[in-house]
Amino acid sequence: MLRTVVWWSVGGFLSATYSRVLMRLPLFYKPQLHVALTGLGYCIGSYCSDTEDRFNVWFNHIYEVPEDAPLWIQKKLKARIDKVDLLNKIAEDLPEEMKMTPYWEKRLEAASRN
């Protein structure tokens, strides 16, 4: 995913720029640090992107039902997939006040009240 690679590359570049700000040096003083950290961000981003792709392939492989599998395994896997689909449908149909709020949103709401 290109988005992951760009995210990490920009993060590397901005970390080099911010380190220059903290040291009160000109922003592009010794630009090889910017190049090195951007390259490091690119490497980390491409690794993360490959890991995401491998995870998606593996996750889809888990829920594949082999054609030659015994009938009880096919039923069990189909029941699991149906259960997940049902839970997702129930979560979408909940009224707004019944949905759970993540803890960080609760903290933000509490902070904004004060």
N, C-alpha and C. Protein backbone atom coordinates (compact mmCIF):
# COMPACT_ATOMS: atom_id res chain seq x y z
N MET A 1 0.83 -1.17 0.00
CA MET A 1 0.00 0.00 0.00
C MET A 1 0.88 1.24 0.00
N LEU A 2 0.69 2.03 -1.00
CA LEU A 2 1.49 3.23 -1.17
C LEU A 2 1.29 4.21 -0.01
N ARG A 3 0.10 4.23 0.53
CA ARG A 3 -0.21 5.16 1.61
C ARG A 3 0.70 4.90 2.82
N THR A 4 0.95 3.65 3.15
CA THR A 4 1.81 3.31 4.28
C THR A 4 3.24 3.75 4.03
N VAL A 5 3.73 3.53 2.83
CA VAL A 5 5.10 3.90 2.50
C VAL A 5 5.27 5.42 2.56
N VAL A 6 4.31 6.14 2.01
CA VAL A 6 4.40 7.61 2.02
C VAL A 6 4.33 8.12 3.46
N TRP A 7 3.46 7.53 4.27
CA TRP A 7 3.31 7.95 5.67
C TRP A 7 4.64 7.83 6.41
N TRP A 8 5.30 6.69 6.29
CA TRP A 8 6.56 6.49 7.00
C TRP A 8 7.68 7.35 6.43
N SER A 9 7.69 7.56 5.12
CA SER A 9 8.72 8.40 4.52
C SER A 9 8.58 9.85 4.98
N VAL A 10 7.36 10.35 4.99
CA VAL A 10 7.13 11.71 5.47
C VAL A 10 7.48 11.81 6.95
N GLY A 11 7.16 10.76 7.70
CA GLY A 11 7.52 10.75 9.12
C GLY A 11 9.02 10.84 9.33
N GLY A 12 9.79 10.14 8.52
CA GLY A 12 11.25 10.22 8.61
C GLY A 12 11.76 11.61 8.28
N PHE A 13 11.21 12.21 7.23
CA PHE A 13 11.63 13.56 6.84
C PHE A 13 11.27 14.57 7.92
N LEU A 14 10.07 14.48 8.46
CA LEU A 14 9.65 15.43 9.48
C LEU A 14 10.42 15.25 10.79
N SER A 15 10.82 14.02 11.10
CA SER A 15 11.61 13.83 12.32
C SER A 15 12.99 14.47 12.17
N ALA A 16 13.57 14.40 10.98
CA ALA A 16 14.85 15.07 10.75
C ALA A 16 14.68 16.59 10.85
N THR A 17 13.62 17.10 10.27
CA THR A 17 13.38 18.54 10.32
C THR A 17 13.13 18.99 11.75
N TYR A 18 12.35 18.23 12.51
CA TYR A 18 12.05 18.60 13.89
C TYR A 18 13.29 18.53 14.77
N SER A 19 14.19 17.58 14.50
CA SER A 19 15.42 17.52 15.30
C SER A 19 16.27 18.76 15.06
N ARG A 20 16.23 19.29 13.84
CA ARG A 20 16.96 20.54 13.55
C ARG A 20 16.32 21.72 14.27
N VAL A 21 15.00 21.72 14.37
CA VAL A 21 14.31 22.80 15.08
C VAL A 21 14.69 22.76 16.55
N LEU A 22 14.73 21.57 17.13
CA LEU A 22 15.07 21.44 18.55
C LEU A 22 16.50 21.88 18.84
N MET A 23 17.40 21.63 17.90
CA MET A 23 18.80 22.02 18.10
C MET A 23 19.05 23.47 17.67
N ARG A 24 18.02 24.14 17.21
CA ARG A 24 18.09 25.54 16.75
C ARG A 24 19.14 25.73 15.66
N LEU A 25 19.12 24.81 14.73
CA LEU A 25 19.98 24.90 13.55
C LEU A 25 19.09 25.23 12.35
N PRO A 26 19.69 25.66 11.25
CA PRO A 26 18.88 25.84 10.04
C PRO A 26 18.21 24.52 9.66
N LEU A 27 16.99 24.61 9.10
CA LEU A 27 16.19 23.40 8.86
C LEU A 27 16.90 22.37 7.99
N PHE A 28 17.59 22.83 6.97
CA PHE A 28 18.22 21.88 6.05
C PHE A 28 19.74 21.88 6.18
N TYR A 29 20.21 22.09 7.41
CA TYR A 29 21.63 21.98 7.71
C TYR A 29 22.00 20.51 7.63
N LYS A 30 23.02 20.19 6.89
CA LYS A 30 23.44 18.81 6.63
C LYS A 30 22.25 17.96 6.16
N PRO A 31 21.85 18.13 4.91
CA PRO A 31 20.65 17.45 4.41
C PRO A 31 20.78 15.93 4.30
N GLN A 32 21.97 15.39 4.49
CA GLN A 32 22.10 13.94 4.41
C GLN A 32 21.31 13.25 5.53
N LEU A 33 21.09 13.93 6.65
CA LEU A 33 20.25 13.37 7.70
C LEU A 33 18.81 13.24 7.22
N HIS A 34 18.34 14.25 6.48
CA HIS A 34 16.99 14.18 5.93
C HIS A 34 16.86 13.02 4.96
N VAL A 35 17.86 12.85 4.12
CA VAL A 35 17.85 11.77 3.14
C VAL A 35 17.90 10.42 3.85
N ALA A 36 18.75 10.31 4.86
CA ALA A 36 18.89 9.03 5.58
C ALA A 36 17.59 8.66 6.30
N LEU A 37 16.98 9.62 6.99
CA LEU A 37 15.76 9.31 7.73
C LEU A 37 14.57 9.08 6.80
N THR A 38 14.53 9.80 5.67
CA THR A 38 13.48 9.53 4.69
C THR A 38 13.65 8.13 4.11
N GLY A 39 14.89 7.74 3.81
CA GLY A 39 15.15 6.38 3.32
C GLY A 39 14.80 5.33 4.35
N LEU A 40 15.13 5.60 5.61
CA LEU A 40 14.76 4.67 6.68
C LEU A 40 13.24 4.55 6.79
N GLY A 41 12.55 5.69 6.70
CA GLY A 41 11.09 5.67 6.71
C GLY A 41 10.52 4.89 5.53
N TYR A 42 11.15 5.02 4.37
CA TYR A 42 10.71 4.25 3.20
C TYR A 42 10.87 2.75 3.44
N CYS A 43 12.00 2.36 4.02
CA CYS A 43 12.23 0.92 4.29
C CYS A 43 11.22 0.39 5.29
N ILE A 44 10.98 1.13 6.36
CA ILE A 44 10.00 0.69 7.36
C ILE A 44 8.61 0.64 6.74
N GLY A 45 8.27 1.65 5.95
CA GLY A 45 6.96 1.70 5.31
C GLY A 45 6.74 0.55 4.34
N SER A 46 7.76 0.23 3.55
CA SER A 46 7.58 -0.88 2.60
C SER A 46 7.48 -2.21 3.35
N TYR A 47 8.22 -2.35 4.47
CA TYR A 47 8.10 -3.57 5.27
C TYR A 47 6.70 -3.68 5.87
N CYS A 48 6.19 -2.58 6.43
CA CYS A 48 4.84 -2.60 7.01
C CYS A 48 3.79 -2.89 5.95
N SER A 49 3.97 -2.32 4.76
CA SER A 49 3.02 -2.55 3.68
C SER A 49 3.02 -4.03 3.28
N ASP A 50 4.19 -4.61 3.16
CA ASP A 50 4.28 -6.04 2.82
C ASP A 50 3.66 -6.90 3.92
N THR A 51 3.87 -6.50 5.18
CA THR A 51 3.30 -7.24 6.29
C THR A 51 1.77 -7.17 6.26
N GLU A 52 1.22 -5.99 5.95
CA GLU A 52 -0.24 -5.86 5.82
C GLU A 52 -0.78 -6.77 4.72
N ASP A 53 -0.08 -6.78 3.59
CA ASP A 53 -0.53 -7.62 2.48
C ASP A 53 -0.49 -9.10 2.85
N ARG A 54 0.61 -9.52 3.51
CA ARG A 54 0.71 -10.92 3.93
C ARG A 54 -0.38 -11.27 4.93
N PHE A 55 -0.69 -10.34 5.85
CA PHE A 55 -1.74 -10.59 6.83
C PHE A 55 -3.09 -10.74 6.15
N ASN A 56 -3.39 -9.88 5.17
CA ASN A 56 -4.67 -9.97 4.47
C ASN A 56 -4.80 -11.29 3.72
N VAL A 57 -3.74 -11.74 3.08
CA VAL A 57 -3.77 -13.02 2.37
C VAL A 57 -3.98 -14.15 3.38
N TRP A 58 -3.25 -14.10 4.50
CA TRP A 58 -3.38 -15.14 5.52
C TRP A 58 -4.78 -15.14 6.13
N PHE A 59 -5.32 -13.96 6.41
CA PHE A 59 -6.64 -13.86 7.03
C PHE A 59 -7.72 -14.39 6.10
N ASN A 60 -7.62 -14.07 4.81
CA ASN A 60 -8.58 -14.61 3.85
C ASN A 60 -8.43 -16.12 3.69
N HIS A 61 -7.22 -16.60 3.84
CA HIS A 61 -6.98 -18.05 3.73
C HIS A 61 -7.62 -18.80 4.90
N ILE A 62 -7.66 -18.16 6.08
CA ILE A 62 -8.25 -18.81 7.25
C ILE A 62 -9.71 -19.13 7.01
N TYR A 63 -10.43 -18.19 6.40
CA TYR A 63 -11.87 -18.36 6.24
C TYR A 63 -12.27 -19.04 4.94
N GLU A 64 -11.30 -19.50 4.17
CA GLU A 64 -11.63 -20.30 2.99
C GLU A 64 -12.07 -21.68 3.44
N VAL A 65 -13.11 -22.16 2.83
CA VAL A 65 -13.58 -23.51 3.15
C VAL A 65 -13.12 -24.43 2.03
N PRO A 66 -12.22 -25.36 2.33
CA PRO A 66 -11.76 -26.26 1.28
C PRO A 66 -12.91 -27.15 0.78
N GLU A 67 -12.90 -27.41 -0.51
CA GLU A 67 -13.98 -28.21 -1.09
C GLU A 67 -13.94 -29.66 -0.61
N ASP A 68 -12.76 -30.15 -0.32
CA ASP A 68 -12.65 -31.55 0.10
C ASP A 68 -12.70 -31.71 1.62
N ALA A 69 -13.01 -30.63 2.34
CA ALA A 69 -13.09 -30.70 3.81
C ALA A 69 -14.32 -31.50 4.22
N PRO A 70 -14.25 -32.15 5.37
CA PRO A 70 -15.44 -32.86 5.85
C PRO A 70 -16.60 -31.90 6.05
N LEU A 71 -17.78 -32.43 5.98
CA LEU A 71 -18.99 -31.61 6.05
C LEU A 71 -19.10 -30.86 7.37
N TRP A 72 -18.69 -31.46 8.48
CA TRP A 72 -18.82 -30.79 9.77
C TRP A 72 -17.91 -29.58 9.86
N ILE A 73 -16.72 -29.63 9.21
CA ILE A 73 -15.82 -28.47 9.19
C ILE A 73 -16.42 -27.36 8.34
N GLN A 74 -17.00 -27.73 7.20
CA GLN A 74 -17.63 -26.73 6.35
C GLN A 74 -18.76 -26.01 7.09
N LYS A 75 -19.57 -26.79 7.82
CA LYS A 75 -20.68 -26.18 8.57
C LYS A 75 -20.15 -25.27 9.68
N LYS A 76 -19.09 -25.72 10.36
CA LYS A 76 -18.54 -24.94 11.46
C LYS A 76 -17.97 -23.61 10.97
N LEU A 77 -17.23 -23.64 9.86
CA LEU A 77 -16.68 -22.40 9.31
C LEU A 77 -17.78 -21.48 8.79
N LYS A 78 -18.80 -22.06 8.16
CA LYS A 78 -19.90 -21.23 7.67
C LYS A 78 -20.65 -20.60 8.83
N ALA A 79 -20.83 -21.33 9.93
CA ALA A 79 -21.51 -20.79 11.11
C ALA A 79 -20.70 -19.64 11.71
N ARG A 80 -19.38 -19.79 11.73
CA ARG A 80 -18.53 -18.72 12.27
C ARG A 80 -18.64 -17.45 11.43
N ILE A 81 -18.61 -17.61 10.12
CA ILE A 81 -18.72 -16.45 9.22
C ILE A 81 -20.09 -15.81 9.36
N ASP A 82 -21.14 -16.64 9.46
CA ASP A 82 -22.49 -16.09 9.63
C ASP A 82 -22.62 -15.33 10.95
N LYS A 83 -21.96 -15.83 11.99
CA LYS A 83 -22.02 -15.17 13.29
C LYS A 83 -21.35 -13.79 13.22
N VAL A 84 -20.20 -13.71 12.57
CA VAL A 84 -19.52 -12.43 12.42
C VAL A 84 -20.38 -11.46 11.60
N ASP A 85 -20.98 -11.94 10.54
CA ASP A 85 -21.85 -11.09 9.73
C ASP A 85 -23.04 -10.59 10.54
N LEU A 86 -23.62 -11.46 11.35
CA LEU A 86 -24.76 -11.07 12.17
C LEU A 86 -24.35 -10.01 13.20
N LEU A 87 -23.20 -10.21 13.84
CA LEU A 87 -22.74 -9.23 14.82
C LEU A 87 -22.46 -7.88 14.17
N ASN A 88 -21.90 -7.89 12.98
CA ASN A 88 -21.66 -6.63 12.27
C ASN A 88 -22.97 -5.94 11.92
N LYS A 89 -23.98 -6.72 11.51
CA LYS A 89 -25.28 -6.15 11.17
C LYS A 89 -25.95 -5.56 12.41
N ILE A 90 -25.86 -6.26 13.53
CA ILE A 90 -26.44 -5.76 14.78
C ILE A 90 -25.75 -4.46 15.19
N ALA A 91 -24.43 -4.41 15.07
CA ALA A 91 -23.68 -3.22 15.46
C ALA A 91 -24.07 -2.02 14.59
N GLU A 92 -24.37 -2.26 13.32
CA GLU A 92 -24.78 -1.16 12.44
C GLU A 92 -26.18 -0.66 12.77
N ASP A 93 -27.05 -1.56 13.22
CA ASP A 93 -28.44 -1.20 13.47
C ASP A 93 -28.69 -0.60 14.85
N LEU A 94 -27.68 -0.57 15.71
CA LEU A 94 -27.87 -0.02 17.05
C LEU A 94 -28.18 1.47 16.99
N PRO A 95 -29.06 1.95 17.87
CA PRO A 95 -29.27 3.40 17.94
C PRO A 95 -27.99 4.09 18.43
N GLU A 96 -27.90 5.35 18.15
CA GLU A 96 -26.67 6.09 18.45
C GLU A 96 -26.34 6.08 19.94
N GLU A 97 -27.36 6.18 20.81
CA GLU A 97 -27.09 6.24 22.24
C GLU A 97 -26.67 4.88 22.82
N MET A 98 -26.91 3.79 22.08
CA MET A 98 -26.54 2.46 22.58
C MET A 98 -25.12 2.07 22.16
N LYS A 99 -24.57 2.76 21.18
CA LYS A 99 -23.23 2.41 20.72
C LYS A 99 -22.21 2.79 21.78
N MET A 100 -21.18 1.96 21.91
CA MET A 100 -20.15 2.23 22.91
C MET A 100 -19.22 3.30 22.39
N THR A 101 -18.84 4.19 23.27
CA THR A 101 -17.92 5.25 22.91
C THR A 101 -16.51 4.80 23.33
N PRO A 102 -15.53 4.95 22.44
CA PRO A 102 -14.16 4.60 22.83
C PRO A 102 -13.70 5.45 24.01
N TYR A 103 -12.77 4.92 24.78
CA TYR A 103 -12.38 5.58 26.02
C TYR A 103 -11.76 6.95 25.76
N TRP A 104 -11.05 7.13 24.63
CA TRP A 104 -10.42 8.43 24.40
C TRP A 104 -11.47 9.50 24.10
N GLU A 105 -12.60 9.11 23.47
CA GLU A 105 -13.67 10.08 23.26
C GLU A 105 -14.33 10.45 24.57
N LYS A 106 -14.47 9.48 25.48
CA LYS A 106 -15.03 9.78 26.80
C LYS A 106 -14.14 10.77 27.54
N ARG A 107 -12.83 10.57 27.42
CA ARG A 107 -11.90 11.48 28.09
C ARG A 107 -11.99 12.87 27.49
N LEU A 108 -12.14 12.95 26.17
CA LEU A 108 -12.27 14.26 25.53
C LEU A 108 -13.56 14.95 25.95
N GLU A 109 -14.65 14.19 26.05
CA GLU A 109 -15.91 14.77 26.48
C GLU A 109 -15.81 15.28 27.91
N ALA A 110 -15.17 14.50 28.78
CA ALA A 110 -15.01 14.92 30.17
C ALA A 110 -14.13 16.16 30.28
N ALA A 111 -13.10 16.25 29.44
CA ALA A 111 -12.22 17.40 29.48
C ALA A 111 -12.91 18.66 28.95
N SER A 112 -13.79 18.47 27.95
CA SER A 112 -14.45 19.65 27.37
C SER A 112 -15.54 20.19 28.28
N ARG A 113 -16.07 19.36 29.19
CA ARG A 113 -17.10 19.83 30.12
C ARG A 113 -16.50 20.75 31.19
N ASN A 114 -15.22 20.54 31.52
CA ASN A 114 -14.61 21.33 32.59
C ASN A 114 -14.21 22.69 32.11
